[in-house]
Amino acid sequence: MANINKDMTIGEILRTCPEVAPVLMQAGMHCLGCPSAQGESLAEAAMVHGINIDELMTAIEAI
């Protein structure tokens, strides 16, 4: 997923590539539909959830 980057909001990512949702859910981000997801970057969400952003990006890129 070359068009996904860690500075994009969760909302942007899901609108652009909804197939990323299962990867995020598997990583522990179960609140994809919450209001915070619309304004929180992937990097910020990973930090809040204790997820390594580099590992998450690797998983997303593998789709």
PDB file of N, CA and C in Angstrom:
ATOM      1  N   MET A   1       0.834  -1.184   0.000  1.00  0.00           N
ATOM      2  CA  MET A   1       0.000   0.000   0.000  1.00  0.00           C
ATOM      3  C   MET A   1       0.878   1.246   0.000  1.00  0.00           C
ATOM      4  N   ALA A   2       1.417   1.553  -1.113  1.00  0.00           N
ATOM      5  CA  ALA A   2       2.335   2.682  -1.226  1.00  0.00           C
ATOM      6  C   ALA A   2       1.663   4.015  -0.936  1.00  0.00           C
ATOM      7  N   ASN A   3       0.350   4.113  -1.087  1.00  0.00           N
ATOM      8  CA  ASN A   3      -0.322   5.384  -0.876  1.00  0.00           C
ATOM      9  C   ASN A   3      -0.738   5.626   0.569  1.00  0.00           C
ATOM     10  N   ILE A   4      -0.417   4.728   1.469  1.00  0.00           N
ATOM     11  CA  ILE A   4      -0.721   4.875   2.894  1.00  0.00           C
ATOM     12  C   ILE A   4       0.548   5.312   3.603  1.00  0.00           C
ATOM     13  N   ASN A   5       0.418   6.336   4.459  1.00  0.00           N
ATOM     14  CA  ASN A   5       1.563   6.722   5.276  1.00  0.00           C
ATOM     15  C   ASN A   5       1.115   6.979   6.699  1.00  0.00           C
ATOM     16  N   LYS A   6       2.055   7.001   7.617  1.00  0.00           N
ATOM     17  CA  LYS A   6       1.740   7.072   9.047  1.00  0.00           C
ATOM     18  C   LYS A   6       1.187   8.423   9.486  1.00  0.00           C
ATOM     19  N   ASP A   7       1.262   9.432   8.618  1.00  0.00           N
ATOM     20  CA  ASP A   7       0.728  10.747   8.961  1.00  0.00           C
ATOM     21  C   ASP A   7      -0.727  10.916   8.540  1.00  0.00           C
ATOM     22  N   MET A   8      -1.261   9.951   7.797  1.00  0.00           N
ATOM     23  CA  MET A   8      -2.665  10.001   7.388  1.00  0.00           C
ATOM     24  C   MET A   8      -3.547   9.680   8.578  1.00  0.00           C
ATOM     25  N   THR A   9      -4.749  10.262   8.596  1.00  0.00           N
ATOM     26  CA  THR A   9      -5.682   9.914   9.665  1.00  0.00           C
ATOM     27  C   THR A   9      -6.258   8.529   9.386  1.00  0.00           C
ATOM     28  N   ILE A  10      -6.749   7.904  10.430  1.00  0.00           N
ATOM     29  CA  ILE A  10      -7.384   6.599  10.285  1.00  0.00           C
ATOM     30  C   ILE A  10      -8.562   6.728   9.307  1.00  0.00           C
ATOM     31  N   GLY A  11      -9.324   7.808   9.445  1.00  0.00           N
ATOM     32  CA  GLY A  11     -10.454   8.041   8.550  1.00  0.00           C
ATOM     33  C   GLY A  11     -10.028   8.115   7.096  1.00  0.00           C
ATOM     34  N   GLU A  12      -8.960   8.839   6.802  1.00  0.00           N
ATOM     35  CA  GLU A  12      -8.448   8.939   5.431  1.00  0.00           C
ATOM     36  C   GLU A  12      -8.044   7.568   4.899  1.00  0.00           C
ATOM     37  N   ILE A  13      -7.367   6.818   5.747  1.00  0.00           N
ATOM     38  CA  ILE A  13      -6.894   5.494   5.339  1.00  0.00           C
ATOM     39  C   ILE A  13      -8.074   4.594   4.997  1.00  0.00           C
ATOM     40  N   LEU A  14      -9.089   4.596   5.849  1.00  0.00           N
ATOM     41  CA  LEU A  14     -10.239   3.723   5.620  1.00  0.00           C
ATOM     42  C   LEU A  14     -11.044   4.145   4.403  1.00  0.00           C
ATOM     43  N   ARG A  15     -11.117   5.449   4.134  1.00  0.00           N
ATOM     44  CA  ARG A  15     -11.811   5.913   2.929  1.00  0.00           C
ATOM     45  C   ARG A  15     -11.019   5.548   1.670  1.00  0.00           C
ATOM     46  N   THR A  16      -9.702   5.644   1.755  1.00  0.00           N
ATOM     47  CA  THR A  16      -8.836   5.369   0.612  1.00  0.00           C
ATOM     48  C   THR A  16      -8.702   3.871   0.349  1.00  0.00           C
ATOM     49  N   CYS A  17      -8.479   3.118   1.403  1.00  0.00           N
ATOM     50  CA  CYS A  17      -8.206   1.678   1.288  1.00  0.00           C
ATOM     51  C   CYS A  17      -8.920   0.921   2.401  1.00  0.00           C
ATOM     52  N   PRO A  18     -10.214   0.673   2.258  1.00  0.00           N
ATOM     53  CA  PRO A  18     -10.952  -0.014   3.322  1.00  0.00           C
ATOM     54  C   PRO A  18     -10.401  -1.400   3.658  1.00  0.00           C
ATOM     55  N   GLU A  19      -9.636  -1.990   2.742  1.00  0.00           N
ATOM     56  CA  GLU A  19      -9.069  -3.317   3.006  1.00  0.00           C
ATOM     57  C   GLU A  19      -8.007  -3.293   4.100  1.00  0.00           C
ATOM     58  N   VAL A  20      -7.632  -2.102   4.562  1.00  0.00           N
ATOM     59  CA  VAL A  20      -6.664  -1.978   5.660  1.00  0.00           C
ATOM     60  C   VAL A  20      -7.333  -2.243   7.014  1.00  0.00           C
ATOM     61  N   ALA A  21      -8.649  -2.115   7.076  1.00  0.00           N
ATOM     62  CA  ALA A  21      -9.377  -2.271   8.345  1.00  0.00           C
ATOM     63  C   ALA A  21      -9.040  -3.567   9.083  1.00  0.00           C
ATOM     64  N   PRO A  22      -9.050  -4.730   8.433  1.00  0.00           N
ATOM     65  CA  PRO A  22      -8.727  -5.958   9.169  1.00  0.00           C
ATOM     66  C   PRO A  22      -7.311  -5.944   9.768  1.00  0.00           C
ATOM     67  N   VAL A  23      -6.372  -5.328   9.073  1.00  0.00           N
ATOM     68  CA  VAL A  23      -4.995  -5.247   9.585  1.00  0.00           C
ATOM     69  C   VAL A  23      -4.975  -4.396  10.850  1.00  0.00           C
ATOM     70  N   LEU A  24      -5.688  -3.275  10.828  1.00  0.00           N
ATOM     71  CA  LEU A  24      -5.737  -2.401  11.995  1.00  0.00           C
ATOM     72  C   LEU A  24      -6.444  -3.097  13.158  1.00  0.00           C
ATOM     73  N   MET A  25      -7.531  -3.790  12.853  1.00  0.00           N
ATOM     74  CA  MET A  25      -8.265  -4.516  13.898  1.00  0.00           C
ATOM     75  C   MET A  25      -7.385  -5.600  14.516  1.00  0.00           C
ATOM     76  N   GLN A  26      -6.679  -6.336  13.677  1.00  0.00           N
ATOM     77  CA  GLN A  26      -5.805  -7.402  14.172  1.00  0.00           C
ATOM     78  C   GLN A  26      -4.689  -6.834  15.043  1.00  0.00           C
ATOM     79  N   ALA A  27      -4.250  -5.621  14.731  1.00  0.00           N
ATOM     80  CA  ALA A  27      -3.189  -4.986  15.510  1.00  0.00           C
ATOM     81  C   ALA A  27      -3.688  -4.480  16.861  1.00  0.00           C
ATOM     82  N   GLY A  28      -5.012  -4.410  17.027  1.00  0.00           N
ATOM     83  CA  GLY A  28      -5.561  -3.967  18.306  1.00  0.00           C
ATOM     84  C   GLY A  28      -6.294  -2.639  18.256  1.00  0.00           C
ATOM     85  N   MET A  29      -6.470  -2.095  17.064  1.00  0.00           N
ATOM     86  CA  MET A  29      -7.214  -0.839  16.906  1.00  0.00           C
ATOM     87  C   MET A  29      -8.672  -1.185  16.621  1.00  0.00           C
ATOM     88  N   HIS A  30      -9.442  -1.361  17.699  1.00  0.00           N
ATOM     89  CA  HIS A  30     -10.827  -1.812  17.561  1.00  0.00           C
ATOM     90  C   HIS A  30     -11.829  -0.669  17.486  1.00  0.00           C
ATOM     91  N   CYS A  31     -11.355   0.558  17.510  1.00  0.00           N
ATOM     92  CA  CYS A  31     -12.277   1.703  17.517  1.00  0.00           C
ATOM     93  C   CYS A  31     -12.178   2.482  16.206  1.00  0.00           C
ATOM     94  N   LEU A  32     -12.169   1.785  15.095  1.00  0.00           N
ATOM     95  CA  LEU A  32     -11.989   2.427  13.793  1.00  0.00           C
ATOM     96  C   LEU A  32     -13.113   3.399  13.454  1.00  0.00           C
ATOM     97  N   GLY A  33     -14.281   3.182  14.002  1.00  0.00           N
ATOM     98  CA  GLY A  33     -15.407   4.053  13.711  1.00  0.00           C
ATOM     99  C   GLY A  33     -15.600   5.178  14.718  1.00  0.00           C
ATOM    100  N   CYS A  34     -14.762   5.250  15.733  1.00  0.00           N
ATOM    101  CA  CYS A  34     -14.945   6.276  16.755  1.00  0.00           C
ATOM    102  C   CYS A  34     -14.536   7.653  16.221  1.00  0.00           C
ATOM    103  N   PRO A  35     -15.067   8.715  16.797  1.00  0.00           N
ATOM    104  CA  PRO A  35     -14.747  10.069  16.321  1.00  0.00           C
ATOM    105  C   PRO A  35     -13.250  10.378  16.315  1.00  0.00           C
ATOM    106  N   SER A  36     -12.502   9.844  17.235  1.00  0.00           N
ATOM    107  CA  SER A  36     -11.054  10.099  17.277  1.00  0.00           C
ATOM    108  C   SER A  36     -10.371   9.601  16.018  1.00  0.00           C
ATOM    109  N   ALA A  37     -10.884   8.534  15.439  1.00  0.00           N
ATOM    110  CA  ALA A  37     -10.266   7.951  14.254  1.00  0.00           C
ATOM    111  C   ALA A  37     -10.306   8.905  13.060  1.00  0.00           C
ATOM    112  N   GLN A  38     -11.242   9.832  13.076  1.00  0.00           N
ATOM    113  CA  GLN A  38     -11.353  10.765  11.959  1.00  0.00           C
ATOM    114  C   GLN A  38     -10.261  11.833  11.988  1.00  0.00           C
ATOM    115  N   GLY A  39      -9.720  12.120  13.167  1.00  0.00           N
ATOM    116  CA  GLY A  39      -8.716  13.171  13.257  1.00  0.00           C
ATOM    117  C   GLY A  39      -7.363  12.726  13.760  1.00  0.00           C
ATOM    118  N   GLU A  40      -7.244  11.464  14.126  1.00  0.00           N
ATOM    119  CA  GLU A  40      -6.008  10.942  14.701  1.00  0.00           C
ATOM    120  C   GLU A  40      -5.173  10.278  13.605  1.00  0.00           C
ATOM    121  N   SER A  41      -3.890  10.629  13.546  1.00  0.00           N
ATOM    122  CA  SER A  41      -3.029  10.002  12.537  1.00  0.00           C
ATOM    123  C   SER A  41      -2.768   8.543  12.915  1.00  0.00           C
ATOM    124  N   LEU A  42      -2.343   7.787  11.937  1.00  0.00           N
ATOM    125  CA  LEU A  42      -2.012   6.385  12.183  1.00  0.00           C
ATOM    126  C   LEU A  42      -0.909   6.285  13.227  1.00  0.00           C
ATOM    127  N   ALA A  43       0.088   7.159  13.148  1.00  0.00           N
ATOM    128  CA  ALA A  43       1.185   7.147  14.119  1.00  0.00           C
ATOM    129  C   ALA A  43       0.674   7.454  15.525  1.00  0.00           C
ATOM    130  N   GLU A  44      -0.229   8.431  15.643  1.00  0.00           N
ATOM    131  CA  GLU A  44      -0.783   8.781  16.955  1.00  0.00           C
ATOM    132  C   GLU A  44      -1.606   7.628  17.512  1.00  0.00           C
ATOM    133  N   ALA A  45      -2.427   7.020  16.672  1.00  0.00           N
ATOM    134  CA  ALA A  45      -3.252   5.897  17.112  1.00  0.00           C
ATOM    135  C   ALA A  45      -2.382   4.720  17.546  1.00  0.00           C
ATOM    136  N   ALA A  46      -1.319   4.461  16.799  1.00  0.00           N
ATOM    137  CA  ALA A  46      -0.418   3.366  17.167  1.00  0.00           C
ATOM    138  C   ALA A  46       0.210   3.633  18.527  1.00  0.00           C
ATOM    139  N   MET A  47       0.634   4.864  18.756  1.00  0.00           N
ATOM    140  CA  MET A  47       1.247   5.212  20.040  1.00  0.00           C
ATOM    141  C   MET A  47       0.250   5.018  21.188  1.00  0.00           C
ATOM    142  N   VAL A  48      -0.974   5.503  21.004  1.00  0.00           N
ATOM    143  CA  VAL A  48      -2.005   5.386  22.043  1.00  0.00           C
ATOM    144  C   VAL A  48      -2.300   3.923  22.361  1.00  0.00           C
ATOM    145  N   HIS A  49      -2.265   3.076  21.337  1.00  0.00           N
ATOM    146  CA  HIS A  49      -2.588   1.662  21.524  1.00  0.00           C
ATOM    147  C   HIS A  49      -1.354   0.808  21.835  1.00  0.00           C
ATOM    148  N   GLY A  50      -0.181   1.425  21.936  1.00  0.00           N
ATOM    149  CA  GLY A  50       1.032   0.675  22.260  1.00  0.00           C
ATOM    150  C   GLY A  50       1.497  -0.232  21.135  1.00  0.00           C
ATOM    151  N   ILE A  51       1.257   0.209  19.887  1.00  0.00           N
ATOM    152  CA  ILE A  51       1.606  -0.584  18.712  1.00  0.00           C
ATOM    153  C   ILE A  51       2.826   0.033  18.044  1.00  0.00           C
ATOM    154  N   ASN A  52       3.764  -0.795  17.645  1.00  0.00           N
ATOM    155  CA  ASN A  52       4.954  -0.322  16.943  1.00  0.00           C
ATOM    156  C   ASN A  52       4.547   0.118  15.543  1.00  0.00           C
ATOM    157  N   ILE A  53       4.711   1.399  15.231  1.00  0.00           N
ATOM    158  CA  ILE A  53       4.255   1.945  13.945  1.00  0.00           C
ATOM    159  C   ILE A  53       5.002   1.323  12.771  1.00  0.00           C
ATOM    160  N   ASP A  54       6.271   1.022  12.927  1.00  0.00           N
ATOM    161  CA  ASP A  54       7.023   0.423  11.823  1.00  0.00           C
ATOM    162  C   ASP A  54       6.503  -0.975  11.494  1.00  0.00           C
ATOM    163  N   GLU A  55       6.178  -1.750  12.520  1.00  0.00           N
ATOM    164  CA  GLU A  55       5.631  -3.081  12.297  1.00  0.00           C
ATOM    165  C   GLU A  55       4.245  -2.987  11.664  1.00  0.00           C
ATOM    166  N   LEU A  56       3.452  -2.005  12.114  1.00  0.00           N
ATOM    167  CA  LEU A  56       2.124  -1.818  11.542  1.00  0.00           C
ATOM    168  C   LEU A  56       2.217  -1.412  10.071  1.00  0.00           C
ATOM    169  N   MET A  57       3.132  -0.508   9.754  1.00  0.00           N
ATOM    170  CA  MET A  57       3.312  -0.096   8.367  1.00  0.00           C
ATOM    171  C   MET A  57       3.750  -1.268   7.499  1.00  0.00           C
ATOM    172  N   THR A  58       4.602  -2.133   8.027  1.00  0.00           N
ATOM    173  CA  THR A  58       5.022  -3.331   7.287  1.00  0.00           C
ATOM    174  C   THR A  58       3.830  -4.227   6.988  1.00  0.00           C
ATOM    175  N   ALA A  59       2.938  -4.393   7.979  1.00  0.00           N
ATOM    176  CA  ALA A  59       1.746  -5.215   7.780  1.00  0.00           C
ATOM    177  C   ALA A  59       0.817  -4.591   6.751  1.00  0.00           C
ATOM    178  N   ILE A  60       0.661  -3.285   6.785  1.00  0.00           N
ATOM    179  CA  ILE A  60      -0.201  -2.601   5.819  1.00  0.00           C
ATOM    180  C   ILE A  60       0.382  -2.720   4.417  1.00  0.00           C
ATOM    181  N   GLU A  61       1.675  -2.541   4.296  1.00  0.00           N
ATOM    182  CA  GLU A  61       2.332  -2.614   2.989  1.00  0.00           C
ATOM    183  C   GLU A  61       2.260  -4.014   2.386  1.00  0.00           C
ATOM    184  N   ALA A  62       2.051  -5.029   3.222  1.00  0.00           N
ATOM    185  CA  ALA A  62       1.985  -6.407   2.749  1.00  0.00           C
ATOM    186  C   ALA A  62       0.632  -6.749   2.104  1.00  0.00           C
ATOM    187  N   ILE A  63      -0.327  -5.862   2.221  1.00  0.00           N
ATOM    188  CA  ILE A  63      -1.659  -6.128   1.657  1.00  0.00           C
ATOM    189  C   ILE A  63      -1.572  -6.127   0.139  1.00  0.00           C
TER     190      ILE A  63
END
